[in-house]
Amino acid sequence: MGNYTGIGIYLTKDMDRNVILIISPIKDSPAHKAGILPGDIITKIDGESYTGEQLNEASNKIKGEERYYCKIRNCKK
């Protein structure tokens, strides 16, 4: 029931593939409304590539500032 800033997803690092893995979107969040699904992988944010080792940096970029928008594109699993 708290407030959040960003696209509204739970993330983790997939150590085997060194990718950023979406655990799940938060219900009714921008990510949920955009069709982001559990198991989707984030490879780029605003055109910049990210690996699993960069989870913290990617998370900070996705959270952004209020009224900041990043480009979201659904990825294949």
PDB file of N, CA and C in Angstrom:
ATOM      1  N   MET A   1       0.821  -1.203   0.000  1.00  0.00           N
ATOM      2  CA  MET A   1       0.000   0.000   0.000  1.00  0.00           C
ATOM      3  C   MET A   1       0.862   1.262   0.000  1.00  0.00           C
ATOM      4  N   GLY A   2       2.193   1.112  -0.053  1.00  0.00           N
ATOM      5  CA  GLY A   2       3.062   2.271  -0.051  1.00  0.00           C
ATOM      6  C   GLY A   2       3.168   2.900  -1.422  1.00  0.00           C
ATOM      7  N   ASN A   3       3.823   4.038  -1.486  1.00  0.00           N
ATOM      8  CA  ASN A   3       4.056   4.720  -2.753  1.00  0.00           C
ATOM      9  C   ASN A   3       5.398   4.300  -3.303  1.00  0.00           C
ATOM     10  N   TYR A   4       5.518   4.337  -4.611  1.00  0.00           N
ATOM     11  CA  TYR A   4       6.792   4.042  -5.248  1.00  0.00           C
ATOM     12  C   TYR A   4       6.982   4.990  -6.406  1.00  0.00           C
ATOM     13  N   THR A   5       8.225   5.128  -6.818  1.00  0.00           N
ATOM     14  CA  THR A   5       8.539   5.930  -7.993  1.00  0.00           C
ATOM     15  C   THR A   5       9.221   5.015  -8.979  1.00  0.00           C
ATOM     16  N   GLY A   6       8.818   5.047 -10.200  1.00  0.00           N
ATOM     17  CA  GLY A   6       9.409   4.199 -11.225  1.00  0.00           C
ATOM     18  C   GLY A   6       8.338   3.436 -11.972  1.00  0.00           C
ATOM     19  N   ILE A   7       8.747   2.316 -12.583  1.00  0.00           N
ATOM     20  CA  ILE A   7       7.800   1.569 -13.415  1.00  0.00           C
ATOM     21  C   ILE A   7       7.030   0.522 -12.629  1.00  0.00           C
ATOM     22  N   GLY A   8       7.491   0.182 -11.421  1.00  0.00           N
ATOM     23  CA  GLY A   8       6.739  -0.746 -10.579  1.00  0.00           C
ATOM     24  C   GLY A   8       7.025  -2.205 -10.842  1.00  0.00           C
ATOM     25  N   ILE A   9       8.268  -2.623 -10.599  1.00  0.00           N
ATOM     26  CA  ILE A   9       8.640  -4.038 -10.770  1.00  0.00           C
ATOM     27  C   ILE A   9       9.551  -4.475  -9.644  1.00  0.00           C
ATOM     28  N   TYR A  10       9.533  -5.784  -9.391  1.00  0.00           N
ATOM     29  CA  TYR A  10      10.492  -6.413  -8.496  1.00  0.00           C
ATOM     30  C   TYR A  10      11.538  -7.087  -9.368  1.00  0.00           C
ATOM     31  N   LEU A  11      12.815  -6.832  -9.061  1.00  0.00           N
ATOM     32  CA  LEU A  11      13.921  -7.331  -9.872  1.00  0.00           C
ATOM     33  C   LEU A  11      14.840  -8.238  -9.081  1.00  0.00           C
ATOM     34  N   THR A  12      15.585  -9.057  -9.816  1.00  0.00           N
ATOM     35  CA  THR A  12      16.667  -9.837  -9.232  1.00  0.00           C
ATOM     36  C   THR A  12      17.733 -10.027 -10.296  1.00  0.00           C
ATOM     37  N   LYS A  13      18.878 -10.505  -9.866  1.00  0.00           N
ATOM     38  CA  LYS A  13      19.970 -10.812 -10.781  1.00  0.00           C
ATOM     39  C   LYS A  13      19.973 -12.308 -11.057  1.00  0.00           C
ATOM     40  N   ASP A  14      19.928 -12.699 -12.332  1.00  0.00           N
ATOM     41  CA  ASP A  14      20.068 -14.106 -12.724  1.00  0.00           C
ATOM     42  C   ASP A  14      21.561 -14.350 -12.880  1.00  0.00           C
ATOM     43  N   MET A  15      22.163 -14.992 -11.899  1.00  0.00           N
ATOM     44  CA  MET A  15      23.609 -15.159 -11.865  1.00  0.00           C
ATOM     45  C   MET A  15      24.115 -16.078 -12.968  1.00  0.00           C
ATOM     46  N   ASP A  16      23.322 -17.072 -13.372  1.00  0.00           N
ATOM     47  CA  ASP A  16      23.754 -17.994 -14.425  1.00  0.00           C
ATOM     48  C   ASP A  16      23.892 -17.296 -15.772  1.00  0.00           C
ATOM     49  N   ARG A  17      22.973 -16.383 -16.055  1.00  0.00           N
ATOM     50  CA  ARG A  17      22.979 -15.695 -17.352  1.00  0.00           C
ATOM     51  C   ARG A  17      23.511 -14.266 -17.273  1.00  0.00           C
ATOM     52  N   ASN A  18      23.784 -13.790 -16.050  1.00  0.00           N
ATOM     53  CA  ASN A  18      24.249 -12.420 -15.803  1.00  0.00           C
ATOM     54  C   ASN A  18      23.303 -11.392 -16.433  1.00  0.00           C
ATOM     55  N   VAL A  19      22.016 -11.558 -16.153  1.00  0.00           N
ATOM     56  CA  VAL A  19      20.994 -10.639 -16.654  1.00  0.00           C
ATOM     57  C   VAL A  19      20.122 -10.150 -15.508  1.00  0.00           C
ATOM     58  N   ILE A  20      19.399  -9.079 -15.764  1.00  0.00           N
ATOM     59  CA  ILE A  20      18.437  -8.550 -14.805  1.00  0.00           C
ATOM     60  C   ILE A  20      17.086  -9.173 -15.122  1.00  0.00           C
ATOM     61  N   LEU A  21      16.557  -9.899 -14.161  1.00  0.00           N
ATOM     62  CA  LEU A  21      15.347 -10.677 -14.336  1.00  0.00           C
ATOM     63  C   LEU A  21      14.196 -10.039 -13.575  1.00  0.00           C
ATOM     64  N   ILE A  22      13.058  -9.934 -14.213  1.00  0.00           N
ATOM     65  CA  ILE A  22      11.870  -9.399 -13.551  1.00  0.00           C
ATOM     66  C   ILE A  22      11.199 -10.517 -12.769  1.00  0.00           C
ATOM     67  N   ILE A  23      11.080 -10.312 -11.468  1.00  0.00           N
ATOM     68  CA  ILE A  23      10.370 -11.277 -10.614  1.00  0.00           C
ATOM     69  C   ILE A  23       8.874 -11.124 -10.858  1.00  0.00           C
ATOM     70  N   SER A  24       8.403  -9.871 -10.785  1.00  0.00           N
ATOM     71  CA  SER A  24       6.997  -9.599 -11.078  1.00  0.00           C
ATOM     72  C   SER A  24       6.769  -8.096 -11.137  1.00  0.00           C
ATOM     73  N   PRO A  25       5.769  -7.688 -11.924  1.00  0.00           N
ATOM     74  CA  PRO A  25       5.352  -6.285 -11.878  1.00  0.00           C
ATOM     75  C   PRO A  25       4.423  -6.086 -10.684  1.00  0.00           C
ATOM     76  N   ILE A  26       4.377  -4.876 -10.203  1.00  0.00           N
ATOM     77  CA  ILE A  26       3.448  -4.537  -9.128  1.00  0.00           C
ATOM     78  C   ILE A  26       2.080  -4.285  -9.760  1.00  0.00           C
ATOM     79  N   LYS A  27       1.049  -4.862  -9.165  1.00  0.00           N
ATOM     80  CA  LYS A  27      -0.301  -4.752  -9.715  1.00  0.00           C
ATOM     81  C   LYS A  27      -0.668  -3.290  -9.956  1.00  0.00           C
ATOM     82  N   ASP A  28      -1.218  -3.025 -11.137  1.00  0.00           N
ATOM     83  CA  ASP A  28      -1.687  -1.710 -11.563  1.00  0.00           C
ATOM     84  C   ASP A  28      -0.573  -0.676 -11.740  1.00  0.00           C
ATOM     85  N   SER A  29       0.674  -1.123 -11.765  1.00  0.00           N
ATOM     86  CA  SER A  29       1.805  -0.222 -11.996  1.00  0.00           C
ATOM     87  C   SER A  29       1.953   0.035 -13.493  1.00  0.00           C
ATOM     88  N   PRO A  30       2.772   1.014 -13.883  1.00  0.00           N
ATOM     89  CA  PRO A  30       3.034   1.223 -15.314  1.00  0.00           C
ATOM     90  C   PRO A  30       3.590  -0.036 -15.993  1.00  0.00           C
ATOM     91  N   ALA A  31       4.448  -0.784 -15.310  1.00  0.00           N
ATOM     92  CA  ALA A  31       4.999  -2.022 -15.890  1.00  0.00           C
ATOM     93  C   ALA A  31       3.892  -3.049 -16.113  1.00  0.00           C
ATOM     94  N   HIS A  32       3.016  -3.207 -15.137  1.00  0.00           N
ATOM     95  CA  HIS A  32       1.896  -4.142 -15.247  1.00  0.00           C
ATOM     96  C   HIS A  32       0.996  -3.751 -16.414  1.00  0.00           C
ATOM     97  N   LYS A  33       0.690  -2.477 -16.523  1.00  0.00           N
ATOM     98  CA  LYS A  33      -0.175  -1.989 -17.597  1.00  0.00           C
ATOM     99  C   LYS A  33       0.492  -2.113 -18.963  1.00  0.00           C
ATOM    100  N   ALA A  34       1.837  -2.091 -19.002  1.00  0.00           N
ATOM    101  CA  ALA A  34       2.572  -2.221 -20.268  1.00  0.00           C
ATOM    102  C   ALA A  34       2.744  -3.673 -20.692  1.00  0.00           C
ATOM    103  N   GLY A  35       2.336  -4.613 -19.830  1.00  0.00           N
ATOM    104  CA  GLY A  35       2.430  -6.022 -20.188  1.00  0.00           C
ATOM    105  C   GLY A  35       3.726  -6.701 -19.788  1.00  0.00           C
ATOM    106  N   ILE A  36       4.494  -6.072 -18.911  1.00  0.00           N
ATOM    107  CA  ILE A  36       5.718  -6.697 -18.419  1.00  0.00           C
ATOM    108  C   ILE A  36       5.318  -7.920 -17.591  1.00  0.00           C
ATOM    109  N   LEU A  37       6.034  -9.030 -17.798  1.00  0.00           N
ATOM    110  CA  LEU A  37       5.691 -10.297 -17.148  1.00  0.00           C
ATOM    111  C   LEU A  37       6.841 -10.838 -16.309  1.00  0.00           C
ATOM    112  N   PRO A  38       6.515 -11.666 -15.301  1.00  0.00           N
ATOM    113  CA  PRO A  38       7.573 -12.358 -14.566  1.00  0.00           C
ATOM    114  C   PRO A  38       8.417 -13.175 -15.550  1.00  0.00           C
ATOM    115  N   GLY A  39       9.719 -13.125 -15.376  1.00  0.00           N
ATOM    116  CA  GLY A  39      10.619 -13.863 -16.253  1.00  0.00           C
ATOM    117  C   GLY A  39      11.154 -13.040 -17.402  1.00  0.00           C
ATOM    118  N   ASP A  40      10.555 -11.859 -17.665  1.00  0.00           N
ATOM    119  CA  ASP A  40      11.113 -10.978 -18.685  1.00  0.00           C
ATOM    120  C   ASP A  40      12.494 -10.514 -18.229  1.00  0.00           C
ATOM    121  N   ILE A  41      13.326 -10.162 -19.191  1.00  0.00           N
ATOM    122  CA  ILE A  41      14.701  -9.753 -18.907  1.00  0.00           C
ATOM    123  C   ILE A  41      14.881  -8.311 -19.358  1.00  0.00           C
ATOM    124  N   ILE A  42      15.533  -7.528 -18.514  1.00  0.00           N
ATOM    125  CA  ILE A  42      15.874  -6.154 -18.882  1.00  0.00           C
ATOM    126  C   ILE A  42      17.294  -6.170 -19.432  1.00  0.00           C
ATOM    127  N   THR A  43      17.447  -5.719 -20.656  1.00  0.00           N
ATOM    128  CA  THR A  43      18.772  -5.646 -21.267  1.00  0.00           C
ATOM    129  C   THR A  43      19.217  -4.210 -21.482  1.00  0.00           C
ATOM    130  N   LYS A  44      18.269  -3.305 -21.695  1.00  0.00           N
ATOM    131  CA  LYS A  44      18.589  -1.895 -21.925  1.00  0.00           C
ATOM    132  C   LYS A  44      17.581  -1.006 -21.223  1.00  0.00           C
ATOM    133  N   ILE A  45      18.076   0.143 -20.775  1.00  0.00           N
ATOM    134  CA  ILE A  45      17.222   1.177 -20.202  1.00  0.00           C
ATOM    135  C   ILE A  45      17.612   2.472 -20.884  1.00  0.00           C
ATOM    136  N   ASP A  46      16.668   3.092 -21.545  1.00  0.00           N
ATOM    137  CA  ASP A  46      16.919   4.317 -22.308  1.00  0.00           C
ATOM    138  C   ASP A  46      18.102   4.149 -23.261  1.00  0.00           C
ATOM    139  N   GLY A  47      18.202   2.972 -23.894  1.00  0.00           N
ATOM    140  CA  GLY A  47      19.237   2.717 -24.882  1.00  0.00           C
ATOM    141  C   GLY A  47      20.574   2.288 -24.330  1.00  0.00           C
ATOM    142  N   GLU A  48      20.738   2.281 -23.016  1.00  0.00           N
ATOM    143  CA  GLU A  48      21.994   1.883 -22.379  1.00  0.00           C
ATOM    144  C   GLU A  48      21.889   0.438 -21.911  1.00  0.00           C
ATOM    145  N   SER A  49      22.873  -0.388 -22.272  1.00  0.00           N
ATOM    146  CA  SER A  49      22.872  -1.808 -21.901  1.00  0.00           C
ATOM    147  C   SER A  49      23.229  -1.990 -20.431  1.00  0.00           C
ATOM    148  N   TYR A  50      22.590  -2.992 -19.814  1.00  0.00           N
ATOM    149  CA  TYR A  50      22.859  -3.344 -18.416  1.00  0.00           C
ATOM    150  C   TYR A  50      22.965  -4.858 -18.302  1.00  0.00           C
ATOM    151  N   THR A  51      23.859  -5.318 -17.419  1.00  0.00           N
ATOM    152  CA  THR A  51      23.997  -6.745 -17.110  1.00  0.00           C
ATOM    153  C   THR A  51      23.519  -6.980 -15.685  1.00  0.00           C
ATOM    154  N   GLY A  52      23.459  -8.234 -15.300  1.00  0.00           N
ATOM    155  CA  GLY A  52      23.064  -8.575 -13.942  1.00  0.00           C
ATOM    156  C   GLY A  52      23.971  -7.960 -12.898  1.00  0.00           C
ATOM    157  N   GLU A  53      25.246  -7.804 -13.252  1.00  0.00           N
ATOM    158  CA  GLU A  53      26.205  -7.197 -12.321  1.00  0.00           C
ATOM    159  C   GLU A  53      25.878  -5.731 -12.050  1.00  0.00           C
ATOM    160  N   GLN A  54      25.083  -5.135 -12.898  1.00  0.00           N
ATOM    161  CA  GLN A  54      24.721  -3.727 -12.771  1.00  0.00           C
ATOM    162  C   GLN A  54      23.296  -3.549 -12.255  1.00  0.00           C
ATOM    163  N   LEU A  55      22.812  -4.531 -11.513  1.00  0.00           N
ATOM    164  CA  LEU A  55      21.433  -4.495 -11.007  1.00  0.00           C
ATOM    165  C   LEU A  55      21.150  -3.217 -10.223  1.00  0.00           C
ATOM    166  N   ASN A  56      22.027  -2.819  -9.324  1.00  0.00           N
ATOM    167  CA  ASN A  56      21.774  -1.620  -8.515  1.00  0.00           C
ATOM    168  C   ASN A  56      21.681  -0.371  -9.374  1.00  0.00           C
ATOM    169  N   GLU A  57      22.601  -0.224 -10.339  1.00  0.00           N
ATOM    170  CA  GLU A  57      22.573   0.938 -11.216  1.00  0.00           C
ATOM    171  C   GLU A  57      21.291   0.948 -12.058  1.00  0.00           C
ATOM    172  N   ALA A  58      20.926  -0.224 -12.585  1.00  0.00           N
ATOM    173  CA  ALA A  58      19.713  -0.333 -13.396  1.00  0.00           C
ATOM    174  C   ALA A  58      18.481  -0.011 -12.561  1.00  0.00           C
ATOM    175  N   SER A  59      18.446  -0.524 -11.359  1.00  0.00           N
ATOM    176  CA  SER A  59      17.313  -0.274 -10.476  1.00  0.00           C
ATOM    177  C   SER A  59      17.169   1.220 -10.197  1.00  0.00           C
ATOM    178  N   ASN A  60      18.282   1.885  -9.943  1.00  0.00           N
ATOM    179  CA  ASN A  60      18.238   3.331  -9.698  1.00  0.00           C
ATOM    180  C   ASN A  60      17.756   4.077 -10.927  1.00  0.00           C
ATOM    181  N   LYS A  61      18.172   3.649 -12.099  1.00  0.00           N
ATOM    182  CA  LYS A  61      17.753   4.296 -13.346  1.00  0.00           C
ATOM    183  C   LYS A  61      16.250   4.096 -13.579  1.00  0.00           C
ATOM    184  N   ILE A  62      15.764   2.893 -13.297  1.00  0.00           N
ATOM    185  CA  ILE A  62      14.340   2.594 -13.488  1.00  0.00           C
ATOM    186  C   ILE A  62      13.489   3.373 -12.493  1.00  0.00           C
ATOM    187  N   LYS A  63      13.958   3.474 -11.265  1.00  0.00           N
ATOM    188  CA  LYS A  63      13.197   4.223 -10.262  1.00  0.00           C
ATOM    189  C   LYS A  63      13.116   5.681 -10.673  1.00  0.00           C
ATOM    190  N   GLY A  64      14.243   6.211 -11.130  1.00  0.00           N
ATOM    191  CA  GLY A  64      14.272   7.590 -11.604  1.00  0.00           C
ATOM    192  C   GLY A  64      13.672   8.565 -10.620  1.00  0.00           C
ATOM    193  N   GLU A  65      13.399   9.723 -11.108  1.00  0.00           N
ATOM    194  CA  GLU A  65      12.742  10.746 -10.306  1.00  0.00           C
ATOM    195  C   GLU A  65      11.269  10.765 -10.684  1.00  0.00           C
ATOM    196  N   GLU A  66      10.459  11.256  -9.793  1.00  0.00           N
ATOM    197  CA  GLU A  66       9.044  11.378 -10.110  1.00  0.00           C
ATOM    198  C   GLU A  66       8.883  12.241 -11.355  1.00  0.00           C
ATOM    199  N   ARG A  67       8.027  11.810 -12.237  1.00  0.00           N
ATOM    200  CA  ARG A  67       7.760  12.440 -13.520  1.00  0.00           C
ATOM    201  C   ARG A  67       8.875  12.211 -14.534  1.00  0.00           C
ATOM    202  N   TYR A  68       9.812  11.343 -14.241  1.00  0.00           N
ATOM    203  CA  TYR A  68      10.838  10.939 -15.203  1.00  0.00           C
ATOM    204  C   TYR A  68      10.335   9.678 -15.886  1.00  0.00           C
ATOM    205  N   TYR A  69      10.471   9.584 -17.180  1.00  0.00           N
ATOM    206  CA  TYR A  69       9.967   8.430 -17.913  1.00  0.00           C
ATOM    207  C   TYR A  69      11.116   7.730 -18.613  1.00  0.00           C
ATOM    208  N   CYS A  70      11.189   6.426 -18.462  1.00  0.00           N
ATOM    209  CA  CYS A  70      12.164   5.655 -19.216  1.00  0.00           C
ATOM    210  C   CYS A  70      11.410   4.818 -20.237  1.00  0.00           C
ATOM    211  N   LYS A  71      12.100   4.424 -21.279  1.00  0.00           N
ATOM    212  CA  LYS A  71      11.481   3.624 -22.328  1.00  0.00           C
ATOM    213  C   LYS A  71      11.401   2.182 -21.869  1.00  0.00           C
ATOM    214  N   ILE A  72      10.228   1.579 -22.010  1.00  0.00           N
ATOM    215  CA  ILE A  72      10.014   0.183 -21.643  1.00  0.00           C
ATOM    216  C   ILE A  72       9.679  -0.581 -22.927  1.00  0.00           C
ATOM    217  N   ARG A  73      10.341  -1.712 -23.106  1.00  0.00           N
ATOM    218  CA  ARG A  73      10.028  -2.547 -24.251  1.00  0.00           C
ATOM    219  C   ARG A  73       9.982  -3.981 -23.754  1.00  0.00           C
ATOM    220  N   ASN A  74       8.909  -4.661 -24.076  1.00  0.00           N
ATOM    221  CA  ASN A  74       8.799  -6.062 -23.663  1.00  0.00           C
ATOM    222  C   ASN A  74       9.891  -6.876 -24.326  1.00  0.00           C
ATOM    223  N   CYS A  75      10.453  -7.797 -23.571  1.00  0.00           N
ATOM    224  CA  CYS A  75      11.510  -8.669 -24.068  1.00  0.00           C
ATOM    225  C   CYS A  75      11.035 -10.099 -24.043  1.00  0.00           C
ATOM    226  N   LYS A  76      11.555 -10.890 -24.919  1.00  0.00           N
ATOM    227  CA  LYS A  76      11.271 -12.323 -24.914  1.00  0.00           C
ATOM    228  C   LYS A  76      12.030 -12.966 -23.768  1.00  0.00           C
ATOM    229  N   LYS A  77      11.484 -14.061 -23.264  1.00  0.00           N
ATOM    230  CA  LYS A  77      12.151 -14.804 -22.197  1.00  0.00           C
ATOM    231  C   LYS A  77      13.302 -15.576 -22.756  1.00  0.00           C
TER     232      LYS A  77
END
